Amino acid sequence: MEISDASQFVNKAGVPAFLLRGEIEEGDAEKLDRLVSPIKGIETVIFLSSNGGRVDEALKISKVMQDHGNLRVNVVDKCISACATILFVSGRTAELLPGAHLGFHSCHDGQSLETLPECNEKIAEHATMRGFPYGAVDMWTRDVPASEVHWVGYTFSSCFGYYRRDGDPVGVEQEQPCVRGMLRAAATQWGPNYYEAELIADCGKQEAVRDFALCSQRELTQVRGLIDHLYELLLSQTPEAEQSVFEVAQRKWLVDFRQACPIPKTVEELANVEVASEVERCFADQLYARLVTVEKQLADATSP
């Protein structure tokens, strides 16, 4: 990897920062250690832009990052494979800059491209030790061949608990509403993918900018679909005479949700990465909060 000074990109004066860009290769951990060891414990920012590389070296880099003790990690544009599964989770925080994505696929032999299940298990366990959900890493890597990439943006990263800001809870205390919601969906007669039936939408026909912003973001649409699915399950578990309470709350949420986020005046403005990311994050956070509420209500309704 190319490791360069990036302090000019940090808003806070005097905070050291480094950009780690390129393929993870042997010797990269030692290079990073030479730079961050003298500032161990001092708040430092690591920017990532990598397609991945050697898993063994990524684990060594992760150890350097953990030993430092006070690193904030930001993905600049893309962080794929070992970058997403190992480096991203190795700091005090783990966040995506506007427009950035994580990319996942199975661990594989560099020559034959054969999937290595024991390697997948190792990186999932590594994420768990860092307080990130085992299930998310396992789901996003297990069935994705080396020649493909499963992309994850802000919406899914945060909803599956694979994201950490300052102050966020760690480990088992961390909210993972998409994980719990999908598990509940999987236990129903419709199956885990029932909620995806509404994903096909012609966003070009959506005239309102707000509607376009929502339907053009697949992850937003999926989380919204999951909420609708769980809401229908909630009603099915509630006596008819008591359903009106939930129906009123759902209608109110739909109105509030559509008005909660600042929206540009034209669809063309959404082509700007910064603008589109701000809109997505606002809607994602609203969906996240609602999913937590509905999932907990469903849990209460189905508990013995």
C-alpha atoms as a PDB file:
ATOM      1  CA  MET A   1       0.000   0.000   0.000  1.00  0.00           C
ATOM      2  CA  GLU A   2       1.003   3.577  -0.516  1.00  0.00           C
ATOM      3  CA  ILE A   3       0.890   5.325   2.866  1.00  0.00           C
ATOM      4  CA  SER A   4       0.933   9.115   2.739  1.00  0.00           C
ATOM      5  CA  ASP A   5       0.292  12.055   5.033  1.00  0.00           C
ATOM      6  CA  ALA A   6      -3.338  13.209   4.927  1.00  0.00           C
ATOM      7  CA  SER A   7      -3.476  15.684   7.792  1.00  0.00           C
ATOM      8  CA  GLN A   8      -4.622  18.430   5.397  1.00  0.00           C
ATOM      9  CA  PHE A   9      -7.931  16.573   4.996  1.00  0.00           C
ATOM     10  CA  VAL A  10      -8.767  16.627   8.715  1.00  0.00           C
ATOM     11  CA  ASN A  11     -10.881  19.514   9.983  1.00  0.00           C
ATOM     12  CA  LYS A  12      -9.328  19.397  13.441  1.00  0.00           C
ATOM     13  CA  ALA A  13      -5.936  21.151  13.532  1.00  0.00           C
ATOM     14  CA  GLY A  14      -2.996  19.155  14.826  1.00  0.00           C
ATOM     15  CA  VAL A  15      -4.587  15.712  14.315  1.00  0.00           C
ATOM     16  CA  PRO A  16      -2.239  13.311  12.480  1.00  0.00           C
ATOM     17  CA  ALA A  17      -3.782  11.518   9.490  1.00  0.00           C
ATOM     18  CA  PHE A  18      -2.630   8.973   6.925  1.00  0.00           C
ATOM     19  CA  LEU A  19      -4.075   7.738   3.643  1.00  0.00           C
ATOM     20  CA  LEU A  20      -3.652   4.001   3.010  1.00  0.00           C
ATOM     21  CA  ARG A  21      -4.223   3.464  -0.706  1.00  0.00           C
ATOM     22  CA  GLY A  22      -3.740   0.451  -2.953  1.00  0.00           C
ATOM     23  CA  GLU A  23      -3.265  -3.289  -2.589  1.00  0.00           C
ATOM     24  CA  ILE A  24      -2.367  -4.748   0.810  1.00  0.00           C
ATOM     25  CA  GLU A  25       1.052  -6.360   0.445  1.00  0.00           C
ATOM     26  CA  GLU A  26       3.749  -7.844   2.638  1.00  0.00           C
ATOM     27  CA  GLY A  27       5.595  -5.188   4.621  1.00  0.00           C
ATOM     28  CA  ASP A  28       2.710  -2.709   4.831  1.00  0.00           C
ATOM     29  CA  ALA A  29       2.155  -3.336   8.547  1.00  0.00           C
ATOM     30  CA  GLU A  30       5.775  -2.478   9.286  1.00  0.00           C
ATOM     31  CA  LYS A  31       5.514   0.735   7.238  1.00  0.00           C
ATOM     32  CA  LEU A  32       2.413   1.853   9.131  1.00  0.00           C
ATOM     33  CA  ASP A  33       3.917   0.887  12.486  1.00  0.00           C
ATOM     34  CA  ARG A  34       6.906   3.158  11.890  1.00  0.00           C
ATOM     35  CA  LEU A  35       4.538   6.082  11.339  1.00  0.00           C
ATOM     36  CA  VAL A  36       2.029   5.588  14.158  1.00  0.00           C
ATOM     37  CA  SER A  37       4.153   4.100  16.951  1.00  0.00           C
ATOM     38  CA  PRO A  38       5.647   7.512  17.906  1.00  0.00           C
ATOM     39  CA  ILE A  39       2.121   8.936  18.266  1.00  0.00           C
ATOM     40  CA  LYS A  40       0.566   5.974  20.072  1.00  0.00           C
ATOM     41  CA  GLY A  41      -2.571   7.012  21.990  1.00  0.00           C
ATOM     42  CA  ILE A  42      -2.840  10.381  20.213  1.00  0.00           C
ATOM     43  CA  GLU A  43      -6.034  10.816  18.191  1.00  0.00           C
ATOM     44  CA  THR A  44      -5.175   9.871  14.608  1.00  0.00           C
ATOM     45  CA  VAL A  45      -7.252   9.472  11.440  1.00  0.00           C
ATOM     46  CA  ILE A  46      -6.753   6.665   8.932  1.00  0.00           C
ATOM     47  CA  PHE A  47      -8.268   7.105   5.459  1.00  0.00           C
ATOM     48  CA  LEU A  48      -8.734   3.896   3.453  1.00  0.00           C
ATOM     49  CA  SER A  49      -8.934   3.367  -0.319  1.00  0.00           C
ATOM     50  CA  SER A  50      -8.127  -0.221  -1.234  1.00  0.00           C
ATOM     51  CA  ASN A  51      -9.272  -3.222  -3.249  1.00  0.00           C
ATOM     52  CA  GLY A  52      -7.909  -5.506  -0.533  1.00  0.00           C
ATOM     53  CA  GLY A  53      -4.990  -7.891  -0.790  1.00  0.00           C
ATOM     54  CA  ARG A  54      -3.164 -10.280   1.538  1.00  0.00           C
ATOM     55  CA  VAL A  55      -5.301 -11.369   4.483  1.00  0.00           C
ATOM     56  CA  ASP A  56      -2.294 -12.255   6.644  1.00  0.00           C
ATOM     57  CA  GLU A  57      -0.780  -8.796   6.150  1.00  0.00           C
ATOM     58  CA  ALA A  58      -4.159  -7.120   6.754  1.00  0.00           C
ATOM     59  CA  LEU A  59      -4.327  -8.871  10.130  1.00  0.00           C
ATOM     60  CA  LYS A  60      -0.859  -7.525  10.972  1.00  0.00           C
ATOM     61  CA  ILE A  61      -1.954  -4.009   9.991  1.00  0.00           C
ATOM     62  CA  SER A  62      -5.033  -4.455  12.158  1.00  0.00           C
ATOM     63  CA  LYS A  63      -2.798  -5.335  15.115  1.00  0.00           C
ATOM     64  CA  VAL A  64      -0.777  -2.126  14.549  1.00  0.00           C
ATOM     65  CA  MET A  65      -3.992  -0.105  14.431  1.00  0.00           C
ATOM     66  CA  GLN A  66      -5.361  -1.707  17.594  1.00  0.00           C
ATOM     67  CA  ASP A  67      -2.082  -1.229  19.464  1.00  0.00           C
ATOM     68  CA  HIS A  68      -2.176   2.472  18.651  1.00  0.00           C
ATOM     69  CA  GLY A  69      -5.421   2.682  20.618  1.00  0.00           C
ATOM     70  CA  ASN A  70      -6.892   5.909  19.259  1.00  0.00           C
ATOM     71  CA  LEU A  71      -7.456   5.635  15.514  1.00  0.00           C
ATOM     72  CA  ARG A  72     -10.517   6.858  13.620  1.00  0.00           C
ATOM     73  CA  VAL A  73     -11.080   5.032  10.327  1.00  0.00           C
ATOM     74  CA  ASN A  74     -12.768   6.609   7.291  1.00  0.00           C
ATOM     75  CA  VAL A  75     -13.301   5.015   3.885  1.00  0.00           C
ATOM     76  CA  VAL A  76     -12.570   7.545   1.145  1.00  0.00           C
ATOM     77  CA  ASP A  77     -14.205   5.847  -1.850  1.00  0.00           C
ATOM     78  CA  LYS A  78     -13.987   2.055  -1.731  1.00  0.00           C
ATOM     79  CA  CYS A  79     -12.726  -0.508   0.739  1.00  0.00           C
ATOM     80  CA  ILE A  80     -12.953  -4.055  -0.607  1.00  0.00           C
ATOM     81  CA  SER A  81     -12.243  -7.572   0.638  1.00  0.00           C
ATOM     82  CA  ALA A  82      -9.592  -7.603   3.414  1.00  0.00           C
ATOM     83  CA  CYS A  83      -9.869  -3.820   3.646  1.00  0.00           C
ATOM     84  CA  ALA A  84     -13.605  -4.079   4.459  1.00  0.00           C
ATOM     85  CA  THR A  85     -13.477  -7.151   6.672  1.00  0.00           C
ATOM     86  CA  ILE A  86     -10.241  -6.479   8.579  1.00  0.00           C
ATOM     87  CA  LEU A  87      -8.921  -2.906   8.325  1.00  0.00           C
ATOM     88  CA  PHE A  88     -12.270  -1.115   8.495  1.00  0.00           C
ATOM     89  CA  VAL A  89     -13.115  -2.628  11.886  1.00  0.00           C
ATOM     90  CA  SER A  90      -9.700  -2.018  13.463  1.00  0.00           C
ATOM     91  CA  GLY A  91     -10.072   1.538  14.729  1.00  0.00           C
ATOM     92  CA  ARG A  92     -11.940   3.300  17.496  1.00  0.00           C
ATOM     93  CA  THR A  93     -14.496   4.388  14.913  1.00  0.00           C
ATOM     94  CA  ALA A  94     -15.404   3.042  11.466  1.00  0.00           C
ATOM     95  CA  GLU A  95     -17.203   5.361   9.036  1.00  0.00           C
ATOM     96  CA  LEU A  96     -17.841   5.944   5.335  1.00  0.00           C
ATOM     97  CA  LEU A  97     -17.231   9.327   3.751  1.00  0.00           C
ATOM     98  CA  PRO A  98     -19.933  10.599   1.343  1.00  0.00           C
ATOM     99  CA  GLY A  99     -20.266   8.288  -1.646  1.00  0.00           C
ATOM    100  CA  ALA A 100     -17.961   5.607  -0.182  1.00  0.00           C
ATOM    101  CA  HIS A 101     -18.800   1.886  -0.147  1.00  0.00           C
ATOM    102  CA  LEU A 102     -17.546  -1.321   1.392  1.00  0.00           C
ATOM    103  CA  GLY A 103     -17.081  -4.320  -0.893  1.00  0.00           C
ATOM    104  CA  PHE A 104     -17.257  -7.953   0.237  1.00  0.00           C
ATOM    105  CA  HIS A 105     -16.514 -11.344  -1.248  1.00  0.00           C
ATOM    106  CA  SER A 106     -15.296 -14.705  -0.028  1.00  0.00           C
ATOM    107  CA  CYS A 107     -11.705 -15.290   0.975  1.00  0.00           C
ATOM    108  CA  HIS A 108      -9.978 -17.112  -1.857  1.00  0.00           C
ATOM    109  CA  ASP A 109      -6.698 -18.612  -2.983  1.00  0.00           C
ATOM    110  CA  GLY A 110      -4.770 -15.969  -4.908  1.00  0.00           C
ATOM    111  CA  GLN A 111      -3.828 -18.408  -7.694  1.00  0.00           C
ATOM    112  CA  SER A 112      -6.826 -20.709  -8.136  1.00  0.00           C
ATOM    113  CA  LEU A 113      -9.479 -18.256  -6.828  1.00  0.00           C
ATOM    114  CA  GLU A 114     -10.907 -21.202  -4.867  1.00  0.00           C
ATOM    115  CA  THR A 115     -13.036 -20.125  -1.894  1.00  0.00           C
ATOM    116  CA  LEU A 116     -11.432 -20.720   1.520  1.00  0.00           C
ATOM    117  CA  PRO A 117     -14.197 -21.300   4.123  1.00  0.00           C
ATOM    118  CA  GLU A 118     -11.715 -21.384   7.022  1.00  0.00           C
ATOM    119  CA  CYS A 119     -10.482 -17.922   5.997  1.00  0.00           C
ATOM    120  CA  ASN A 120     -14.062 -16.592   5.893  1.00  0.00           C
ATOM    121  CA  GLU A 121     -14.555 -17.921   9.406  1.00  0.00           C
ATOM    122  CA  LYS A 122     -11.327 -16.306  10.584  1.00  0.00           C
ATOM    123  CA  ILE A 123     -12.214 -12.826   9.328  1.00  0.00           C
ATOM    124  CA  ALA A 124     -15.769 -13.079  10.704  1.00  0.00           C
ATOM    125  CA  GLU A 125     -14.343 -13.961  14.112  1.00  0.00           C
ATOM    126  CA  HIS A 126     -11.888 -11.062  13.828  1.00  0.00           C
ATOM    127  CA  ALA A 127     -14.785  -8.660  13.253  1.00  0.00           C
ATOM    128  CA  THR A 128     -16.598 -10.118  16.263  1.00  0.00           C
ATOM    129  CA  MET A 129     -13.588  -9.557  18.492  1.00  0.00           C
ATOM    130  CA  ARG A 130     -13.656  -5.914  17.425  1.00  0.00           C
ATOM    131  CA  GLY A 131     -17.322  -5.627  18.463  1.00  0.00           C
ATOM    132  CA  PHE A 132     -18.820  -5.953  14.977  1.00  0.00           C
ATOM    133  CA  PRO A 133     -21.521  -8.503  14.063  1.00  0.00           C
ATOM    134  CA  TYR A 134     -20.312 -11.924  12.945  1.00  0.00           C
ATOM    135  CA  GLY A 135     -23.524 -12.467  10.978  1.00  0.00           C
ATOM    136  CA  ALA A 136     -23.075  -9.446   8.721  1.00  0.00           C
ATOM    137  CA  VAL A 137     -19.556 -10.444   7.642  1.00  0.00           C
ATOM    138  CA  ASP A 138     -20.620 -14.069   7.194  1.00  0.00           C
ATOM    139  CA  MET A 139     -23.669 -13.112   5.101  1.00  0.00           C
ATOM    140  CA  TRP A 140     -21.805 -10.643   2.880  1.00  0.00           C
ATOM    141  CA  THR A 141     -18.823 -12.925   2.180  1.00  0.00           C
ATOM    142  CA  ARG A 142     -19.962 -16.549   2.309  1.00  0.00           C
ATOM    143  CA  ASP A 143     -21.630 -16.964  -1.092  1.00  0.00           C
ATOM    144  CA  VAL A 144     -19.895 -14.198  -3.068  1.00  0.00           C
ATOM    145  CA  PRO A 145     -17.210 -15.598  -5.421  1.00  0.00           C
ATOM    146  CA  ALA A 146     -13.821 -13.957  -5.776  1.00  0.00           C
ATOM    147  CA  SER A 147     -14.760 -12.556  -9.187  1.00  0.00           C
ATOM    148  CA  GLU A 148     -17.697 -10.596  -7.751  1.00  0.00           C
ATOM    149  CA  VAL A 149     -18.193  -7.900  -5.102  1.00  0.00           C
ATOM    150  CA  HIS A 150     -21.165  -7.374  -2.808  1.00  0.00           C
ATOM    151  CA  TRP A 151     -21.361  -3.606  -2.254  1.00  0.00           C
ATOM    152  CA  VAL A 152     -22.601  -2.081   1.003  1.00  0.00           C
ATOM    153  CA  GLY A 153     -23.221   1.633   1.539  1.00  0.00           C
ATOM    154  CA  TYR A 154     -24.033   3.765   4.553  1.00  0.00           C
ATOM    155  CA  THR A 155     -27.634   2.556   4.886  1.00  0.00           C
ATOM    156  CA  PHE A 156     -26.892  -1.154   5.218  1.00  0.00           C
ATOM    157  CA  SER A 157     -23.578  -0.657   7.004  1.00  0.00           C
ATOM    158  CA  SER A 158     -25.271   1.218   9.845  1.00  0.00           C
ATOM    159  CA  CYS A 159     -28.460  -0.877   9.858  1.00  0.00           C
ATOM    160  CA  PHE A 160     -26.518  -4.130  10.155  1.00  0.00           C
ATOM    161  CA  GLY A 161     -24.335  -2.734  12.952  1.00  0.00           C
ATOM    162  CA  TYR A 162     -21.231  -2.584  10.737  1.00  0.00           C
ATOM    163  CA  TYR A 163     -20.537   1.075  11.446  1.00  0.00           C
ATOM    164  CA  ARG A 164     -19.256   2.946  14.474  1.00  0.00           C
ATOM    165  CA  ARG A 165     -19.231   6.630  15.331  1.00  0.00           C
ATOM    166  CA  ASP A 166     -17.822   8.172  18.475  1.00  0.00           C
ATOM    167  CA  GLY A 167     -20.179   7.344  21.303  1.00  0.00           C
ATOM    168  CA  ASP A 168     -21.835   4.363  19.594  1.00  0.00           C
ATOM    169  CA  PRO A 169     -22.236   1.257  21.772  1.00  0.00           C
ATOM    170  CA  VAL A 170     -19.908  -1.647  21.099  1.00  0.00           C
ATOM    171  CA  GLY A 171     -20.535  -5.357  20.745  1.00  0.00           C
ATOM    172  CA  VAL A 172     -23.721  -7.007  21.987  1.00  0.00           C
ATOM    173  CA  GLU A 173     -25.122  -3.659  23.109  1.00  0.00           C
ATOM    174  CA  GLN A 174     -24.988  -2.293  19.573  1.00  0.00           C
ATOM    175  CA  GLU A 175     -28.307  -1.980  17.728  1.00  0.00           C
ATOM    176  CA  GLN A 176     -28.558  -4.247  14.679  1.00  0.00           C
ATOM    177  CA  PRO A 177     -32.181  -3.796  13.575  1.00  0.00           C
ATOM    178  CA  CYS A 178     -31.702  -5.183  10.066  1.00  0.00           C
ATOM    179  CA  VAL A 179     -30.198  -8.384  11.476  1.00  0.00           C
ATOM    180  CA  ARG A 180     -33.066  -8.942  13.904  1.00  0.00           C
ATOM    181  CA  GLY A 181     -35.653  -7.866  11.356  1.00  0.00           C
ATOM    182  CA  MET A 182     -34.420 -10.281   8.700  1.00  0.00           C
ATOM    183  CA  LEU A 183     -34.310 -13.116  11.231  1.00  0.00           C
ATOM    184  CA  ARG A 184     -37.942 -12.450  12.100  1.00  0.00           C
ATOM    185  CA  ALA A 185     -38.851 -12.292   8.413  1.00  0.00           C
ATOM    186  CA  ALA A 186     -37.062 -15.586   7.798  1.00  0.00           C
ATOM    187  CA  ALA A 187     -39.222 -17.268  10.430  1.00  0.00           C
ATOM    188  CA  THR A 188     -42.490 -16.431   8.632  1.00  0.00           C
ATOM    189  CA  GLN A 189     -44.381 -18.226   5.900  1.00  0.00           C
ATOM    190  CA  TRP A 190     -43.259 -15.609   3.365  1.00  0.00           C
ATOM    191  CA  GLY A 191     -39.571 -16.243   3.926  1.00  0.00           C
ATOM    192  CA  PRO A 192     -36.640 -13.826   4.330  1.00  0.00           C
ATOM    193  CA  ASN A 193     -36.937 -12.211   0.885  1.00  0.00           C
ATOM    194  CA  TYR A 194     -40.649 -11.501   0.878  1.00  0.00           C
ATOM    195  CA  TYR A 195     -40.100  -7.814   1.495  1.00  0.00           C
ATOM    196  CA  GLU A 196     -37.998  -7.519  -1.686  1.00  0.00           C
ATOM    197  CA  ALA A 197     -41.118  -7.859  -3.852  1.00  0.00           C
ATOM    198  CA  GLU A 198     -41.536  -4.089  -3.864  1.00  0.00           C
ATOM    199  CA  LEU A 199     -37.955  -3.296  -4.887  1.00  0.00           C
ATOM    200  CA  ILE A 200     -38.575  -3.043  -8.627  1.00  0.00           C
ATOM    201  CA  ALA A 201     -39.436   0.577  -9.334  1.00  0.00           C
ATOM    202  CA  ASP A 202     -39.052   2.836 -12.336  1.00  0.00           C
ATOM    203  CA  CYS A 203     -37.451   5.817 -10.644  1.00  0.00           C
ATOM    204  CA  GLY A 204     -37.513   7.695 -13.925  1.00  0.00           C
ATOM    205  CA  LYS A 205     -41.274   8.005 -13.560  1.00  0.00           C
ATOM    206  CA  GLN A 206     -41.040   9.505 -10.091  1.00  0.00           C
ATOM    207  CA  GLU A 207     -41.685  13.196 -10.605  1.00  0.00           C
ATOM    208  CA  ALA A 208     -41.226  14.416  -7.048  1.00  0.00           C
ATOM    209  CA  VAL A 209     -37.581  14.843  -6.068  1.00  0.00           C
ATOM    210  CA  ARG A 210     -38.278  13.310  -2.661  1.00  0.00           C
ATOM    211  CA  ASP A 211     -39.799  10.181  -4.213  1.00  0.00           C
ATOM    212  CA  PHE A 212     -36.911   9.901  -6.662  1.00  0.00           C
ATOM    213  CA  ALA A 213     -34.345  10.221  -3.861  1.00  0.00           C
ATOM    214  CA  LEU A 214     -35.990   7.344  -2.025  1.00  0.00           C
ATOM    215  CA  CYS A 215     -36.656   4.923  -4.876  1.00  0.00           C
ATOM    216  CA  SER A 216     -33.270   5.413  -6.534  1.00  0.00           C
ATOM    217  CA  GLN A 217     -31.390   4.155  -3.457  1.00  0.00           C
ATOM    218  CA  ARG A 218     -31.741   0.372  -3.362  1.00  0.00           C
ATOM    219  CA  GLU A 219     -30.651   0.029   0.264  1.00  0.00           C
ATOM    220  CA  LEU A 220     -33.201   2.622   1.405  1.00  0.00           C
ATOM    221  CA  THR A 221     -35.901   0.779  -0.524  1.00  0.00           C
ATOM    222  CA  GLN A 222     -34.929  -2.548   1.014  1.00  0.00           C
ATOM    223  CA  VAL A 223     -34.993  -1.243   4.579  1.00  0.00           C
ATOM    224  CA  ARG A 224     -38.323   0.459   3.909  1.00  0.00           C
ATOM    225  CA  GLY A 225     -39.645  -2.838   2.527  1.00  0.00           C
ATOM    226  CA  LEU A 226     -38.424  -4.683   5.609  1.00  0.00           C
ATOM    227  CA  ILE A 227     -40.255  -2.188   7.841  1.00  0.00           C
ATOM    228  CA  ASP A 228     -43.468  -2.716   5.859  1.00  0.00           C
ATOM    229  CA  HIS A 229     -43.065  -6.479   6.169  1.00  0.00           C
ATOM    230  CA  LEU A 230     -42.532  -6.368   9.933  1.00  0.00           C
ATOM    231  CA  TYR A 231     -45.433  -3.934  10.297  1.00  0.00           C
ATOM    232  CA  GLU A 232     -47.752  -6.401   8.522  1.00  0.00           C
ATOM    233  CA  LEU A 233     -46.478  -9.165  10.810  1.00  0.00           C
ATOM    234  CA  LEU A 234     -47.175  -6.928  13.810  1.00  0.00           C
ATOM    235  CA  LEU A 235     -50.764  -6.416  12.706  1.00  0.00           C
ATOM    236  CA  SER A 236     -51.194 -10.159  12.145  1.00  0.00           C
ATOM    237  CA  GLN A 237     -50.126 -10.750  15.760  1.00  0.00           C
ATOM    238  CA  THR A 238     -52.436  -8.043  17.166  1.00  0.00           C
ATOM    239  CA  PRO A 239     -56.176  -8.459  17.907  1.00  0.00           C
ATOM    240  CA  GLU A 240     -58.247  -6.552  15.338  1.00  0.00           C
ATOM    241  CA  ALA A 241     -59.740  -4.276  17.970  1.00  0.00           C
ATOM    242  CA  GLU A 242     -56.251  -3.112  18.987  1.00  0.00           C
ATOM    243  CA  GLN A 243     -54.738  -2.672  15.526  1.00  0.00           C
ATOM    244  CA  SER A 244     -55.845   0.951  15.169  1.00  0.00           C
ATOM    245  CA  VAL A 245     -53.150   2.105  17.615  1.00  0.00           C
ATOM    246  CA  PHE A 246     -50.396   0.758  15.362  1.00  0.00           C
ATOM    247  CA  GLU A 247     -52.138   1.954  12.193  1.00  0.00           C
ATOM    248  CA  VAL A 248     -52.309   5.532  13.478  1.00  0.00           C
ATOM    249  CA  ALA A 249     -48.643   5.403  14.508  1.00  0.00           C
ATOM    250  CA  GLN A 250     -47.613   4.040  11.094  1.00  0.00           C
ATOM    251  CA  ARG A 251     -49.517   6.745   9.202  1.00  0.00           C
ATOM    252  CA  LYS A 252     -47.998   9.459  11.381  1.00  0.00           C
ATOM    253  CA  TRP A 253     -44.529   8.050  10.836  1.00  0.00           C
ATOM    254  CA  LEU A 254     -45.016   7.977   7.059  1.00  0.00           C
ATOM    255  CA  VAL A 255     -45.957  11.673   7.064  1.00  0.00           C
ATOM    256  CA  ASP A 256     -43.114  12.660   9.376  1.00  0.00           C
ATOM    257  CA  PHE A 257     -40.618  10.506   7.481  1.00  0.00           C
ATOM    258  CA  ARG A 258     -41.331  12.177   4.155  1.00  0.00           C
ATOM    259  CA  GLN A 259     -40.897  15.624   5.659  1.00  0.00           C
ATOM    260  CA  ALA A 260     -37.935  14.974   7.937  1.00  0.00           C
ATOM    261  CA  CYS A 261     -35.057  15.407   5.500  1.00  0.00           C
ATOM    262  CA  PRO A 262     -33.926  18.432   3.472  1.00  0.00           C
ATOM    263  CA  ILE A 263     -34.392  17.754  -0.245  1.00  0.00           C
ATOM    264  CA  PRO A 264     -32.902  19.677  -3.198  1.00  0.00           C
ATOM    265  CA  LYS A 265     -35.289  21.379  -5.597  1.00  0.00           C
ATOM    266  CA  THR A 266     -34.364  19.344  -8.679  1.00  0.00           C
ATOM    267  CA  VAL A 267     -33.482  15.727  -9.456  1.00  0.00           C
ATOM    268  CA  GLU A 268     -30.334  16.952 -11.221  1.00  0.00           C
ATOM    269  CA  GLU A 269     -28.940  18.217  -7.904  1.00  0.00           C
ATOM    270  CA  LEU A 270     -28.954  14.634  -6.622  1.00  0.00           C
ATOM    271  CA  ALA A 271     -26.148  13.885  -9.078  1.00  0.00           C
ATOM    272  CA  ASN A 272     -23.861  15.705  -6.641  1.00  0.00           C
ATOM    273  CA  VAL A 273     -22.292  13.068  -4.377  1.00  0.00           C
ATOM    274  CA  GLU A 274     -22.284  15.278  -1.284  1.00  0.00           C
ATOM    275  CA  VAL A 275     -25.949  16.228  -1.717  1.00  0.00           C
ATOM    276  CA  ALA A 276     -27.085  12.668  -2.472  1.00  0.00           C
ATOM    277  CA  SER A 277     -25.144  11.302   0.515  1.00  0.00           C
ATOM    278  CA  GLU A 278     -26.671  13.837   2.886  1.00  0.00           C
ATOM    279  CA  VAL A 279     -30.164  12.905   1.711  1.00  0.00           C
ATOM    280  CA  GLU A 280     -29.450   9.162   1.941  1.00  0.00           C
ATOM    281  CA  ARG A 281     -28.005   9.401   5.443  1.00  0.00           C
ATOM    282  CA  CYS A 282     -30.938  11.423   6.711  1.00  0.00           C
ATOM    283  CA  PHE A 283     -33.510   8.998   5.292  1.00  0.00           C
ATOM    284  CA  ALA A 284     -31.455   5.998   6.456  1.00  0.00           C
ATOM    285  CA  ASP A 285     -31.352   7.282  10.031  1.00  0.00           C
ATOM    286  CA  GLN A 286     -35.140   7.832   9.982  1.00  0.00           C
ATOM    287  CA  LEU A 287     -35.704   4.305   8.682  1.00  0.00           C
ATOM    288  CA  TYR A 288     -33.251   2.903  11.208  1.00  0.00           C
ATOM    289  CA  ALA A 289     -35.164   4.453  14.114  1.00  0.00           C
ATOM    290  CA  ARG A 290     -38.512   3.205  12.815  1.00  0.00           C
ATOM    291  CA  LEU A 291     -37.197  -0.309  12.205  1.00  0.00           C
ATOM    292  CA  VAL A 292     -35.949  -0.463  15.799  1.00  0.00           C
ATOM    293  CA  THR A 293     -39.406   0.569  17.057  1.00  0.00           C
ATOM    294  CA  VAL A 294     -41.425  -1.851  14.892  1.00  0.00           C
ATOM    295  CA  GLU A 295     -39.073  -4.757  15.549  1.00  0.00           C
ATOM    296  CA  LYS A 296     -39.339  -4.239  19.311  1.00  0.00           C
ATOM    297  CA  GLN A 297     -43.137  -3.954  19.094  1.00  0.00           C
ATOM    298  CA  LEU A 298     -43.244  -7.207  17.151  1.00  0.00           C
ATOM    299  CA  ALA A 299     -40.976  -8.865  19.705  1.00  0.00           C
ATOM    300  CA  ASP A 300     -43.350  -7.797  22.493  1.00  0.00           C
ATOM    301  CA  ALA A 301     -46.386  -8.990  20.523  1.00  0.00           C
ATOM    302  CA  THR A 302     -44.908 -12.443  19.873  1.00  0.00           C
ATOM    303  CA  SER A 303     -43.314 -13.035  23.276  1.00  0.00           C
ATOM    304  CA  PRO A 304     -44.984 -15.677  25.496  1.00  0.00           C
END
